């Protein structure tokens, strides 16, 4: 679940599949029934958002996540965090204590808007 404390507050909850690495990857979001809601893809050439039958191009993954959620999200850091590495990510505080039980949480404290990310992994 992602909560962005913007005006108005935005909250997102979805199943996801993360593949690749920080330089080249794909992050897909699904409904509980398995329908793809959105697909983010990134490489050195930029980032793409596929949603609602349309594809949008962005200069970077940060620009894409800012457009989609209202906050720059640490997608590249997720790869380290999911491996148990509390990679220092400016503006973010990650809590990996629950990772052995499939839980990860992170909070964005700066810059505004604040955001909270909670991940529950299926094993």
PDB file of N, CA and C in Angstrom:
ATOM      1  N   UNK A   1       0.850  -1.164   0.000  1.00  0.00           N
ATOM      2  CA  UNK A   1       0.000   0.000   0.000  1.00  0.00           C
ATOM      3  C   UNK A   1       0.901   1.233   0.000  1.00  0.00           C
ATOM      4  N   UNK A   2       0.528   2.202  -0.777  1.00  0.00           N
ATOM      5  CA  UNK A   2       1.229   3.476  -0.834  1.00  0.00           C
ATOM      6  C   UNK A   2       0.242   4.575  -0.465  1.00  0.00           C
ATOM      7  N   UNK A   3       0.645   5.418   0.482  1.00  0.00           N
ATOM      8  CA  UNK A   3      -0.146   6.578   0.844  1.00  0.00           C
ATOM      9  C   UNK A   3       0.722   7.812   0.643  1.00  0.00           C
ATOM     10  N   UNK A   4       0.254   8.747  -0.174  1.00  0.00           N
ATOM     11  CA  UNK A   4       0.955  10.005  -0.420  1.00  0.00           C
ATOM     12  C   UNK A   4       0.131  11.098   0.248  1.00  0.00           C
ATOM     13  N   UNK A   5       0.745  11.803   1.182  1.00  0.00           N
ATOM     14  CA  UNK A   5       0.052  12.820   1.967  1.00  0.00           C
ATOM     15  C   UNK A   5       0.063  14.173   1.243  1.00  0.00           C
ATOM     16  N   UNK A   6      -0.551  14.159   0.072  1.00  0.00           N
ATOM     17  CA  UNK A   6      -0.693  15.366  -0.736  1.00  0.00           C
ATOM     18  C   UNK A   6      -2.097  15.913  -0.505  1.00  0.00           C
ATOM     19  N   UNK A   7      -2.449  16.956  -1.219  1.00  0.00           N
ATOM     20  CA  UNK A   7      -3.814  17.497  -1.159  1.00  0.00           C
ATOM     21  C   UNK A   7      -4.506  17.208  -2.468  1.00  0.00           C
ATOM     22  N   UNK A   8      -5.452  16.328  -2.548  1.00  0.00           N
ATOM     23  CA  UNK A   8      -5.921  15.457  -1.473  1.00  0.00           C
ATOM     24  C   UNK A   8      -4.966  14.279  -1.269  1.00  0.00           C
ATOM     25  N   UNK A   9      -5.097  13.603  -0.136  1.00  0.00           N
ATOM     26  CA  UNK A   9      -4.287  12.414   0.146  1.00  0.00           C
ATOM     27  C   UNK A   9      -4.624  11.355  -0.890  1.00  0.00           C
ATOM     28  N   UNK A  10      -3.594  10.675  -1.402  1.00  0.00           N
ATOM     29  CA  UNK A  10      -3.783   9.617  -2.379  1.00  0.00           C
ATOM     30  C   UNK A  10      -3.344   8.296  -1.756  1.00  0.00           C
ATOM     31  N   UNK A  11      -4.115   7.252  -1.962  1.00  0.00           N
ATOM     32  CA  UNK A  11      -3.769   5.926  -1.452  1.00  0.00           C
ATOM     33  C   UNK A  11      -3.924   4.919  -2.580  1.00  0.00           C
ATOM     34  N   UNK A  12      -2.943   4.036  -2.694  1.00  0.00           N
ATOM     35  CA  UNK A  12      -2.924   3.017  -3.733  1.00  0.00           C
ATOM     36  C   UNK A  12      -2.667   1.663  -3.084  1.00  0.00           C
ATOM     37  N   UNK A  13      -3.381   0.654  -3.528  1.00  0.00           N
ATOM     38  CA  UNK A  13      -3.160  -0.694  -3.035  1.00  0.00           C
ATOM     39  C   UNK A  13      -3.325  -1.644  -4.211  1.00  0.00           C
ATOM     40  N   UNK A  14      -2.332  -2.519  -4.417  1.00  0.00           N
ATOM     41  CA  UNK A  14      -2.404  -3.454  -5.538  1.00  0.00           C
ATOM     42  C   UNK A  14      -1.375  -4.559  -5.346  1.00  0.00           C
ATOM     43  N   UNK A  15      -1.633  -5.695  -5.968  1.00  0.00           N
ATOM     44  CA  UNK A  15      -0.613  -6.730  -6.076  1.00  0.00           C
ATOM     45  C   UNK A  15       0.398  -6.233  -7.094  1.00  0.00           C
ATOM     46  N   UNK A  16       1.645  -6.700  -7.001  1.00  0.00           N
ATOM     47  CA  UNK A  16       2.651  -6.232  -7.943  1.00  0.00           C
ATOM     48  C   UNK A  16       3.649  -7.335  -8.271  1.00  0.00           C
ATOM     49  N   UNK A  17       4.326  -7.137  -9.385  1.00  0.00           N
ATOM     50  CA  UNK A  17       5.415  -8.007  -9.814  1.00  0.00           C
ATOM     51  C   UNK A  17       6.568  -7.099 -10.220  1.00  0.00           C
ATOM     52  N   UNK A  18       7.723  -7.268  -9.576  1.00  0.00           N
ATOM     53  CA  UNK A  18       8.903  -6.451  -9.826  1.00  0.00           C
ATOM     54  C   UNK A  18       9.983  -7.329 -10.437  1.00  0.00           C
ATOM     55  N   UNK A  19      10.492  -6.932 -11.599  1.00  0.00           N
ATOM     56  CA  UNK A  19      11.523  -7.707 -12.293  1.00  0.00           C
ATOM     57  C   UNK A  19      12.640  -6.785 -12.749  1.00  0.00           C
ATOM     58  N   UNK A  20      13.821  -7.355 -12.918  1.00  0.00           N
ATOM     59  CA  UNK A  20      14.947  -6.596 -13.437  1.00  0.00           C
ATOM     60  C   UNK A  20      15.848  -6.111 -12.341  1.00  0.00           C
ATOM     61  N   UNK A  21      16.329  -4.880 -12.492  1.00  0.00           N
ATOM     62  CA  UNK A  21      17.204  -4.258 -11.498  1.00  0.00           C
ATOM     63  C   UNK A  21      16.995  -2.752 -11.533  1.00  0.00           C
ATOM     64  N   UNK A  22      17.818  -2.041 -10.786  1.00  0.00           N
ATOM     65  CA  UNK A  22      17.641  -0.595 -10.681  1.00  0.00           C
ATOM     66  C   UNK A  22      17.843   0.128 -12.015  1.00  0.00           C
ATOM     67  N   UNK A  23      18.622  -0.452 -12.938  1.00  0.00           N
ATOM     68  CA  UNK A  23      18.894   0.212 -14.221  1.00  0.00           C
ATOM     69  C   UNK A  23      17.870  -0.129 -15.303  1.00  0.00           C
ATOM     70  N   UNK A  24      17.401  -1.367 -15.314  1.00  0.00           N
ATOM     71  CA  UNK A  24      16.459  -1.826 -16.337  1.00  0.00           C
ATOM     72  C   UNK A  24      15.452  -2.756 -15.672  1.00  0.00           C
ATOM     73  N   UNK A  25      14.195  -2.405 -15.745  1.00  0.00           N
ATOM     74  CA  UNK A  25      13.230  -3.256 -15.075  1.00  0.00           C
ATOM     75  C   UNK A  25      11.797  -2.987 -15.464  1.00  0.00           C
ATOM     76  N   UNK A  26      10.930  -3.779 -14.838  1.00  0.00           N
ATOM     77  CA  UNK A  26       9.489  -3.688 -15.059  1.00  0.00           C
ATOM     78  C   UNK A  26       8.802  -3.849 -13.709  1.00  0.00           C
ATOM     79  N   UNK A  27       7.827  -2.996 -13.454  1.00  0.00           N
ATOM     80  CA  UNK A  27       6.987  -3.097 -12.276  1.00  0.00           C
ATOM     81  C   UNK A  27       5.543  -3.069 -12.763  1.00  0.00           C
ATOM     82  N   UNK A  28       4.846  -4.178 -12.520  1.00  0.00           N
ATOM     83  CA  UNK A  28       3.452  -4.283 -12.960  1.00  0.00           C
ATOM     84  C   UNK A  28       2.545  -4.346 -11.735  1.00  0.00           C
ATOM     85  N   UNK A  29       1.388  -3.693 -11.827  1.00  0.00           N
ATOM     86  CA  UNK A  29       0.403  -3.681 -10.753  1.00  0.00           C
ATOM     87  C   UNK A  29      -0.856  -4.394 -11.234  1.00  0.00           C
ATOM     88  N   UNK A  30      -1.464  -5.181 -10.319  1.00  0.00           N
ATOM     89  CA  UNK A  30      -2.606  -6.005 -10.673  1.00  0.00           C
ATOM     90  C   UNK A  30      -3.747  -5.824  -9.673  1.00  0.00           C
ATOM     91  N   UNK A  31      -4.974  -6.021 -10.157  1.00  0.00           N
ATOM     92  CA  UNK A  31      -6.142  -6.071  -9.283  1.00  0.00           C
ATOM     93  C   UNK A  31      -6.144  -7.425  -8.567  1.00  0.00           C
ATOM     94  N   UNK A  32      -6.980  -7.581  -7.539  1.00  0.00           N
ATOM     95  CA  UNK A  32      -7.065  -8.887  -6.873  1.00  0.00           C
ATOM     96  C   UNK A  32      -7.471 -10.024  -7.823  1.00  0.00           C
ATOM     97  N   UNK A  33      -8.119  -9.703  -8.923  1.00  0.00           N
ATOM     98  CA  UNK A  33      -8.517 -10.725  -9.891  1.00  0.00           C
ATOM     99  C   UNK A  33      -7.442 -10.982 -10.939  1.00  0.00           C
ATOM    100  N   UNK A  34      -6.310 -10.261 -10.866  1.00  0.00           N
ATOM    101  CA  UNK A  34      -5.198 -10.513 -11.771  1.00  0.00           C
ATOM    102  C   UNK A  34      -5.142  -9.639 -13.010  1.00  0.00           C
ATOM    103  N   UNK A  35      -6.038  -8.682 -13.140  1.00  0.00           N
ATOM    104  CA  UNK A  35      -6.022  -7.780 -14.279  1.00  0.00           C
ATOM    105  C   UNK A  35      -4.910  -6.750 -14.094  1.00  0.00           C
ATOM    106  N   UNK A  36      -4.126  -6.511 -15.142  1.00  0.00           N
ATOM    107  CA  UNK A  36      -3.058  -5.520 -15.072  1.00  0.00           C
ATOM    108  C   UNK A  36      -3.653  -4.119 -15.053  1.00  0.00           C
ATOM    109  N   UNK A  37      -3.301  -3.354 -14.032  1.00  0.00           N
ATOM    110  CA  UNK A  37      -3.782  -1.985 -13.887  1.00  0.00           C
ATOM    111  C   UNK A  37      -2.805  -1.021 -14.547  1.00  0.00           C
ATOM    112  N   UNK A  38      -1.505  -1.258 -14.294  1.00  0.00           N
ATOM    113  CA  UNK A  38      -0.468  -0.389 -14.854  1.00  0.00           C
ATOM    114  C   UNK A  38       0.834  -1.178 -14.948  1.00  0.00           C
ATOM    115  N   UNK A  39       1.656  -0.750 -15.898  1.00  0.00           N
ATOM    116  CA  UNK A  39       2.965  -1.377 -16.099  1.00  0.00           C
ATOM    117  C   UNK A  39       3.987  -0.268 -16.278  1.00  0.00           C
ATOM    118  N   UNK A  40       5.002  -0.268 -15.413  1.00  0.00           N
ATOM    119  CA  UNK A  40       6.093   0.699 -15.501  1.00  0.00           C
ATOM    120  C   UNK A  40       7.308  -0.039 -16.028  1.00  0.00           C
ATOM    121  N   UNK A  41       7.985   0.541 -16.986  1.00  0.00           N
ATOM    122  CA  UNK A  41       9.190  -0.061 -17.555  1.00  0.00           C
ATOM    123  C   UNK A  41      10.240   1.029 -17.671  1.00  0.00           C
ATOM    124  N   UNK A  42      11.491   0.701 -17.302  1.00  0.00           N
ATOM    125  CA  UNK A  42      12.542   1.714 -17.347  1.00  0.00           C
ATOM    126  C   UNK A  42      13.847   1.114 -17.829  1.00  0.00           C
ATOM    127  N   UNK A  43      14.651   2.010 -18.408  1.00  0.00           N
ATOM    128  CA  UNK A  43      15.991   1.665 -18.887  1.00  0.00           C
ATOM    129  C   UNK A  43      16.757   2.981 -18.999  1.00  0.00           C
ATOM    130  N   UNK A  44      17.958   2.907 -19.558  1.00  0.00           N
ATOM    131  CA  UNK A  44      18.756   4.118 -19.764  1.00  0.00           C
ATOM    132  C   UNK A  44      18.083   5.089 -20.730  1.00  0.00           C
ATOM    133  N   UNK A  45      17.163   4.604 -21.542  1.00  0.00           N
ATOM    134  CA  UNK A  45      16.492   5.436 -22.537  1.00  0.00           C
ATOM    135  C   UNK A  45      15.259   6.151 -22.002  1.00  0.00           C
ATOM    136  N   UNK A  46      14.914   5.918 -20.729  1.00  0.00           N
ATOM    137  CA  UNK A  46      13.750   6.568 -20.151  1.00  0.00           C
ATOM    138  C   UNK A  46      12.827   5.576 -19.495  1.00  0.00           C
ATOM    139  N   UNK A  47      11.627   6.043 -19.202  1.00  0.00           N
ATOM    140  CA  UNK A  47      10.644   5.214 -18.518  1.00  0.00           C
ATOM    141  C   UNK A  47       9.306   5.327 -19.234  1.00  0.00           C
ATOM    142  N   UNK A  48       8.535   4.234 -19.156  1.00  0.00           N
ATOM    143  CA  UNK A  48       7.238   4.176 -19.817  1.00  0.00           C
ATOM    144  C   UNK A  48       6.182   3.727 -18.830  1.00  0.00           C
ATOM    145  N   UNK A  49       5.020   4.330 -18.943  1.00  0.00           N
ATOM    146  CA  UNK A  49       3.858   3.945 -18.156  1.00  0.00           C
ATOM    147  C   UNK A  49       2.790   3.475 -19.122  1.00  0.00           C
ATOM    148  N   UNK A  50       2.352   2.230 -18.951  1.00  0.00           N
ATOM    149  CA  UNK A  50       1.250   1.693 -19.738  1.00  0.00           C
ATOM    150  C   UNK A  50       0.063   1.531 -18.804  1.00  0.00           C
ATOM    151  N   UNK A  51      -1.015   2.244 -19.073  1.00  0.00           N
ATOM    152  CA  UNK A  51      -2.224   2.181 -18.262  1.00  0.00           C
ATOM    153  C   UNK A  51      -3.398   2.663 -19.095  1.00  0.00           C
ATOM    154  N   UNK A  52      -4.535   2.082 -18.852  1.00  0.00           N
ATOM    155  CA  UNK A  52      -5.772   2.476 -19.542  1.00  0.00           C
ATOM    156  C   UNK A  52      -5.616   2.454 -21.055  1.00  0.00           C
ATOM    157  N   UNK A  53      -4.856   1.509 -21.579  1.00  0.00           N
ATOM    158  CA  UNK A  53      -4.692   1.371 -23.015  1.00  0.00           C
ATOM    159  C   UNK A  53      -3.770   2.385 -23.653  1.00  0.00           C
ATOM    160  N   UNK A  54      -3.106   3.200 -22.851  1.00  0.00           N
ATOM    161  CA  UNK A  54      -2.206   4.229 -23.371  1.00  0.00           C
ATOM    162  C   UNK A  54      -0.795   4.015 -22.839  1.00  0.00           C
ATOM    163  N   UNK A  55       0.198   4.473 -23.602  1.00  0.00           N
ATOM    164  CA  UNK A  55       1.586   4.434 -23.176  1.00  0.00           C
ATOM    165  C   UNK A  55       2.120   5.855 -23.143  1.00  0.00           C
ATOM    166  N   UNK A  56       2.730   6.212 -22.008  1.00  0.00           N
ATOM    167  CA  UNK A  56       3.327   7.537 -21.857  1.00  0.00           C
ATOM    168  C   UNK A  56       4.820   7.368 -21.618  1.00  0.00           C
ATOM    169  N   UNK A  57       5.624   8.258 -22.200  1.00  0.00           N
ATOM    170  CA  UNK A  57       7.073   8.229 -22.036  1.00  0.00           C
ATOM    171  C   UNK A  57       7.506   9.331 -21.080  1.00  0.00           C
ATOM    172  N   UNK A  58       8.490   9.014 -20.218  1.00  0.00           N
ATOM    173  CA  UNK A  58       9.045   9.974 -19.267  1.00  0.00           C
ATOM    174  C   UNK A  58      10.564   9.919 -19.361  1.00  0.00           C
ATOM    175  N   UNK A  59      11.216  11.001 -19.018  1.00  0.00           N
ATOM    176  CA  UNK A  59      12.674  11.079 -19.098  1.00  0.00           C
ATOM    177  C   UNK A  59      13.351  10.147 -18.097  1.00  0.00           C
ATOM    178  N   UNK A  60      12.669   9.852 -16.986  1.00  0.00           N
ATOM    179  CA  UNK A  60      13.265   9.013 -15.949  1.00  0.00           C
ATOM    180  C   UNK A  60      12.176   8.290 -15.166  1.00  0.00           C
ATOM    181  N   UNK A  61      12.598   7.299 -14.401  1.00  0.00           N
ATOM    182  CA  UNK A  61      11.675   6.586 -13.529  1.00  0.00           C
ATOM    183  C   UNK A  61      11.140   7.520 -12.447  1.00  0.00           C
ATOM    184  N   UNK A  62      11.976   8.420 -11.938  1.00  0.00           N
ATOM    185  CA  UNK A  62      11.515   9.399 -10.951  1.00  0.00           C
ATOM    186  C   UNK A  62      10.396  10.275 -11.510  1.00  0.00           C
ATOM    187  N   UNK A  63      10.552  10.737 -12.743  1.00  0.00           N
ATOM    188  CA  UNK A  63       9.523  11.567 -13.378  1.00  0.00           C
ATOM    189  C   UNK A  63       8.224  10.783 -13.550  1.00  0.00           C
ATOM    190  N   UNK A  64       8.338   9.514 -13.895  1.00  0.00           N
ATOM    191  CA  UNK A  64       7.157   8.669 -14.067  1.00  0.00           C
ATOM    192  C   UNK A  64       6.423   8.499 -12.745  1.00  0.00           C
ATOM    193  N   UNK A  65       7.148   8.135 -11.664  1.00  0.00           N
ATOM    194  CA  UNK A  65       6.468   7.908 -10.386  1.00  0.00           C
ATOM    195  C   UNK A  65       5.879   9.203  -9.834  1.00  0.00           C
ATOM    196  N   UNK A  66       6.535  10.330 -10.061  1.00  0.00           N
ATOM    197  CA  UNK A  66       5.982  11.609  -9.643  1.00  0.00           C
ATOM    198  C   UNK A  66       4.663  11.876 -10.358  1.00  0.00           C
ATOM    199  N   UNK A  67       4.623  11.631 -11.662  1.00  0.00           N
ATOM    200  CA  UNK A  67       3.403  11.830 -12.442  1.00  0.00           C
ATOM    201  C   UNK A  67       2.286  10.895 -11.971  1.00  0.00           C
ATOM    202  N   UNK A  68       2.626   9.629 -11.736  1.00  0.00           N
ATOM    203  CA  UNK A  68       1.616   8.618 -11.433  1.00  0.00           C
ATOM    204  C   UNK A  68       1.075   8.706 -10.009  1.00  0.00           C
ATOM    205  N   UNK A  69       1.912   9.134  -9.052  1.00  0.00           N
ATOM    206  CA  UNK A  69       1.498   9.082  -7.648  1.00  0.00           C
ATOM    207  C   UNK A  69       1.535  10.414  -6.921  1.00  0.00           C
ATOM    208  N   UNK A  70       2.208  11.398  -7.486  1.00  0.00           N
ATOM    209  CA  UNK A  70       2.347  12.677  -6.807  1.00  0.00           C
ATOM    210  C   UNK A  70       3.593  12.771  -5.947  1.00  0.00           C
ATOM    211  N   UNK A  71       4.410  11.709  -5.942  1.00  0.00           N
ATOM    212  CA  UNK A  71       5.665  11.703  -5.174  1.00  0.00           C
ATOM    213  C   UNK A  71       6.687  10.853  -5.920  1.00  0.00           C
ATOM    214  N   UNK A  72       7.956  11.221  -5.804  1.00  0.00           N
ATOM    215  CA  UNK A  72       9.026  10.404  -6.376  1.00  0.00           C
ATOM    216  C   UNK A  72       9.208   9.199  -5.465  1.00  0.00           C
ATOM    217  N   UNK A  73       9.081   8.009  -6.032  1.00  0.00           N
ATOM    218  CA  UNK A  73       9.183   6.781  -5.254  1.00  0.00           C
ATOM    219  C   UNK A  73      10.522   6.096  -5.483  1.00  0.00           C
ATOM    220  N   UNK A  74      11.042   5.409  -4.463  1.00  0.00           N
ATOM    221  CA  UNK A  74      12.363   4.794  -4.543  1.00  0.00           C
ATOM    222  C   UNK A  74      12.338   3.401  -5.184  1.00  0.00           C
ATOM    223  N   UNK A  75      11.815   3.300  -6.384  1.00  0.00           N
ATOM    224  CA  UNK A  75      11.698   1.994  -7.041  1.00  0.00           C
ATOM    225  C   UNK A  75      13.060   1.314  -7.148  1.00  0.00           C
ATOM    226  N   UNK A  76      14.098   2.067  -7.512  1.00  0.00           N
ATOM    227  CA  UNK A  76      15.435   1.471  -7.643  1.00  0.00           C
ATOM    228  C   UNK A  76      15.906   0.918  -6.295  1.00  0.00           C
ATOM    229  N   UNK A  77      15.594   1.601  -5.201  1.00  0.00           N
ATOM    230  CA  UNK A  77      15.997   1.131  -3.874  1.00  0.00           C
ATOM    231  C   UNK A  77      15.246  -0.118  -3.448  1.00  0.00           C
ATOM    232  N   UNK A  78      14.060  -0.331  -3.992  1.00  0.00           N
ATOM    233  CA  UNK A  78      13.284  -1.516  -3.630  1.00  0.00           C
ATOM    234  C   UNK A  78      14.066  -2.804  -3.862  1.00  0.00           C
ATOM    235  N   UNK A  79      14.870  -2.836  -4.913  1.00  0.00           N
ATOM    236  CA  UNK A  79      15.637  -4.048  -5.196  1.00  0.00           C
ATOM    237  C   UNK A  79      16.569  -4.374  -4.035  1.00  0.00           C
ATOM    238  N   UNK A  80      17.255  -3.377  -3.488  1.00  0.00           N
ATOM    239  CA  UNK A  80      18.146  -3.588  -2.342  1.00  0.00           C
ATOM    240  C   UNK A  80      17.335  -3.918  -1.095  1.00  0.00           C
ATOM    241  N   UNK A  81      16.283  -3.157  -0.857  1.00  0.00           N
ATOM    242  CA  UNK A  81      15.472  -3.369   0.342  1.00  0.00           C
ATOM    243  C   UNK A  81      14.899  -4.774   0.379  1.00  0.00           C
ATOM    244  N   UNK A  82      14.407  -5.259  -0.752  1.00  0.00           N
ATOM    245  CA  UNK A  82      13.817  -6.598  -0.787  1.00  0.00           C
ATOM    246  C   UNK A  82      14.858  -7.696  -0.572  1.00  0.00           C
ATOM    247  N   UNK A  83      16.136  -7.371  -0.759  1.00  0.00           N
ATOM    248  CA  UNK A  83      17.222  -8.314  -0.487  1.00  0.00           C
ATOM    249  C   UNK A  83      17.743  -8.176   0.947  1.00  0.00           C
ATOM    250  N   UNK A  84      17.124  -7.283   1.732  1.00  0.00           N
ATOM    251  CA  UNK A  84      17.528  -7.097   3.114  1.00  0.00           C
ATOM    252  C   UNK A  84      18.598  -6.046   3.321  1.00  0.00           C
ATOM    253  N   UNK A  85      18.932  -5.303   2.289  1.00  0.00           N
ATOM    254  CA  UNK A  85      19.934  -4.239   2.364  1.00  0.00           C
ATOM    255  C   UNK A  85      19.211  -2.911   2.579  1.00  0.00           C
ATOM    256  N   UNK A  86      19.417  -2.298   3.752  1.00  0.00           N
ATOM    257  CA  UNK A  86      18.761  -1.032   4.068  1.00  0.00           C
ATOM    258  C   UNK A  86      19.492   0.115   3.379  1.00  0.00           C
ATOM    259  N   UNK A  87      19.532   0.051   2.059  1.00  0.00           N
ATOM    260  CA  UNK A  87      20.219   1.051   1.244  1.00  0.00           C
ATOM    261  C   UNK A  87      19.759   2.450   1.637  1.00  0.00           C
ATOM    262  N   UNK A  88      20.714   3.316   1.915  1.00  0.00           N
ATOM    263  CA  UNK A  88      20.397   4.697   2.271  1.00  0.00           C
ATOM    264  C   UNK A  88      19.813   5.390   1.045  1.00  0.00           C
ATOM    265  N   UNK A  89      18.594   5.884   1.195  1.00  0.00           N
ATOM    266  CA  UNK A  89      17.892   6.558   0.112  1.00  0.00           C
ATOM    267  C   UNK A  89      17.476   7.934   0.620  1.00  0.00           C
ATOM    268  N   UNK A  90      18.048   9.004   0.069  1.00  0.00           N
ATOM    269  CA  UNK A  90      17.754  10.354   0.577  1.00  0.00           C
ATOM    270  C   UNK A  90      16.251  10.619   0.689  1.00  0.00           C
ATOM    271  N   UNK A  91      15.855  11.097   1.874  1.00  0.00           N
ATOM    272  CA  UNK A  91      14.460  11.432   2.122  1.00  0.00           C
ATOM    273  C   UNK A  91      13.607  10.265   2.588  1.00  0.00           C
ATOM    274  N   UNK A  92      14.140   9.051   2.557  1.00  0.00           N
ATOM    275  CA  UNK A  92      13.376   7.855   2.921  1.00  0.00           C
ATOM    276  C   UNK A  92      13.995   7.167   4.119  1.00  0.00           C
ATOM    277  N   UNK A  93      13.145   6.620   4.973  1.00  0.00           N
ATOM    278  CA  UNK A  93      13.566   5.777   6.089  1.00  0.00           C
ATOM    279  C   UNK A  93      12.900   4.425   5.891  1.00  0.00           C
ATOM    280  N   UNK A  94      13.713   3.374   5.794  1.00  0.00           N
ATOM    281  CA  UNK A  94      13.167   2.041   5.562  1.00  0.00           C
ATOM    282  C   UNK A  94      13.264   1.216   6.835  1.00  0.00           C
ATOM    283  N   UNK A  95      12.259   0.393   7.064  1.00  0.00           N
ATOM    284  CA  UNK A  95      12.228  -0.519   8.198  1.00  0.00           C
ATOM    285  C   UNK A  95      12.154  -1.936   7.630  1.00  0.00           C
ATOM    286  N   UNK A  96      13.242  -2.686   7.815  1.00  0.00           N
ATOM    287  CA  UNK A  96      13.323  -4.054   7.289  1.00  0.00           C
ATOM    288  C   UNK A  96      13.155  -5.104   8.375  1.00  0.00           C
ATOM    289  N   UNK A  97      12.793  -4.705   9.584  1.00  0.00           N
ATOM    290  CA  UNK A  97      12.671  -5.662  10.683  1.00  0.00           C
ATOM    291  C   UNK A  97      11.663  -6.767  10.391  1.00  0.00           C
ATOM    292  N   UNK A  98      10.605  -6.450   9.658  1.00  0.00           N
ATOM    293  CA  UNK A  98       9.579  -7.445   9.349  1.00  0.00           C
ATOM    294  C   UNK A  98       9.859  -8.249   8.099  1.00  0.00           C
ATOM    295  N   UNK A  99      10.979  -7.985   7.432  1.00  0.00           N
ATOM    296  CA  UNK A  99      11.260  -8.663   6.160  1.00  0.00           C
ATOM    297  C   UNK A  99      11.285 -10.184   6.277  1.00  0.00           C
ATOM    298  N   UNK A 100      11.819 -10.773   7.360  1.00  0.00           N
ATOM    299  CA  UNK A 100      11.759 -12.236   7.465  1.00  0.00           C
ATOM    300  C   UNK A 100      10.332 -12.787   7.453  1.00  0.00           C
ATOM    301  N   UNK A 101       9.366 -11.954   7.819  1.00  0.00           N
ATOM    302  CA  UNK A 101       7.951 -12.336   7.796  1.00  0.00           C
ATOM    303  C   UNK A 101       7.224 -11.780   6.584  1.00  0.00           C
ATOM    304  N   UNK A 102       7.986 -11.293   5.595  1.00  0.00           N
ATOM    305  CA  UNK A 102       7.384 -10.787   4.374  1.00  0.00           C
ATOM    306  C   UNK A 102       6.822  -9.387   4.472  1.00  0.00           C
ATOM    307  N   UNK A 103       7.329  -8.586   5.410  1.00  0.00           N
ATOM    308  CA  UNK A 103       6.837  -7.220   5.587  1.00  0.00           C
ATOM    309  C   UNK A 103       7.973  -6.222   5.411  1.00  0.00           C
ATOM    310  N   UNK A 104       7.694  -5.161   4.692  1.00  0.00           N
ATOM    311  CA  UNK A 104       8.649  -4.071   4.481  1.00  0.00           C
ATOM    312  C   UNK A 104       7.865  -2.775   4.566  1.00  0.00           C
ATOM    313  N   UNK A 105       8.436  -1.792   5.253  1.00  0.00           N
ATOM    314  CA  UNK A 105       7.780  -0.484   5.276  1.00  0.00           C
ATOM    315  C   UNK A 105       8.839   0.602   5.128  1.00  0.00           C
ATOM    316  N   UNK A 106       8.428   1.693   4.529  1.00  0.00           N
ATOM    317  CA  UNK A 106       9.322   2.833   4.328  1.00  0.00           C
ATOM    318  C   UNK A 106       8.493   4.105   4.393  1.00  0.00           C
ATOM    319  N   UNK A 107       9.136   5.158   4.888  1.00  0.00           N
ATOM    320  CA  UNK A 107       8.468   6.453   4.960  1.00  0.00           C
ATOM    321  C   UNK A 107       9.330   7.507   4.298  1.00  0.00           C
ATOM    322  N   UNK A 108       8.666   8.339   3.521  1.00  0.00           N
ATOM    323  CA  UNK A 108       9.343   9.490   2.906  1.00  0.00           C
ATOM    324  C   UNK A 108       9.098  10.689   3.801  1.00  0.00           C
ATOM    325  N   UNK A 109      10.199  11.288   4.246  1.00  0.00           N
ATOM    326  CA  UNK A 109      10.090  12.431   5.148  1.00  0.00           C
ATOM    327  C   UNK A 109      10.415  13.747   4.453  1.00  0.00           C
ATOM    328  N   UNK A 110      11.159  13.665   3.354  1.00  0.00           N
ATOM    329  CA  UNK A 110      11.525  14.876   2.620  1.00  0.00           C
ATOM    330  C   UNK A 110      11.860  14.488   1.192  1.00  0.00           C
ATOM    331  N   UNK A 111      11.584  15.315   0.230  1.00  0.00           N
ATOM    332  CA  UNK A 111      10.792  16.546   0.323  1.00  0.00           C
ATOM    333  C   UNK A 111       9.310  16.217   0.423  1.00  0.00           C
ATOM    334  N   UNK A 112       8.522  17.231   0.642  1.00  0.00           N
ATOM    335  CA  UNK A 112       7.069  17.068   0.689  1.00  0.00           C
ATOM    336  C   UNK A 112       6.570  16.635  -0.684  1.00  0.00           C
ATOM    337  N   UNK A 113       5.520  15.901  -0.806  1.00  0.00           N
ATOM    338  CA  UNK A 113       4.668  15.431   0.274  1.00  0.00           C
ATOM    339  C   UNK A 113       5.246  14.184   0.933  1.00  0.00           C
ATOM    340  N   UNK A 114       4.919  14.004   2.196  1.00  0.00           N
ATOM    341  CA  UNK A 114       5.309  12.792   2.908  1.00  0.00           C
ATOM    342  C   UNK A 114       4.589  11.608   2.269  1.00  0.00           C
ATOM    343  N   UNK A 115       5.187  10.442   2.382  1.00  0.00           N
ATOM    344  CA  UNK A 115       4.576   9.235   1.820  1.00  0.00           C
ATOM    345  C   UNK A 115       4.915   8.045   2.699  1.00  0.00           C
ATOM    346  N   UNK A 116       4.048   7.057   2.668  1.00  0.00           N
ATOM    347  CA  UNK A 116       4.273   5.833   3.420  1.00  0.00           C
ATOM    348  C   UNK A 116       4.047   4.657   2.478  1.00  0.00           C
ATOM    349  N   UNK A 117       5.005   3.730   2.472  1.00  0.00           N
ATOM    350  CA  UNK A 117       4.960   2.550   1.615  1.00  0.00           C
ATOM    351  C   UNK A 117       4.979   1.322   2.494  1.00  0.00           C
ATOM    352  N   UNK A 118       3.998   0.439   2.331  1.00  0.00           N
ATOM    353  CA  UNK A 118       3.951  -0.822   3.068  1.00  0.00           C
ATOM    354  C   UNK A 118       3.810  -1.960   2.057  1.00  0.00           C
ATOM    355  N   UNK A 119       4.704  -2.935   2.175  1.00  0.00           N
ATOM    356  CA  UNK A 119       4.693  -4.067   1.244  1.00  0.00           C
ATOM    357  C   UNK A 119       4.532  -5.357   2.041  1.00  0.00           C
ATOM    358  N   UNK A 120       3.632  -6.203   1.582  1.00  0.00           N
ATOM    359  CA  UNK A 120       3.450  -7.537   2.133  1.00  0.00           C
ATOM    360  C   UNK A 120       3.788  -8.514   1.018  1.00  0.00           C
ATOM    361  N   UNK A 121       4.802  -9.333   1.258  1.00  0.00           N
ATOM    362  CA  UNK A 121       5.278 -10.274   0.236  1.00  0.00           C
ATOM    363  C   UNK A 121       4.592 -11.622   0.387  1.00  0.00           C
ATOM    364  N   UNK A 122       4.234 -12.217  -0.734  1.00  0.00           N
ATOM    365  CA  UNK A 122       3.746 -13.586  -0.744  1.00  0.00           C
ATOM    366  C   UNK A 122       4.937 -14.483  -0.968  1.00  0.00           C
ATOM    367  N   UNK A 123       5.058 -15.489  -0.163  1.00  0.00           N
ATOM    368  CA  UNK A 123       6.221 -16.384  -0.293  1.00  0.00           C
ATOM    369  C   UNK A 123       5.784 -17.758  -0.670  1.00  0.00           C
TER     370      UNK A 123
END
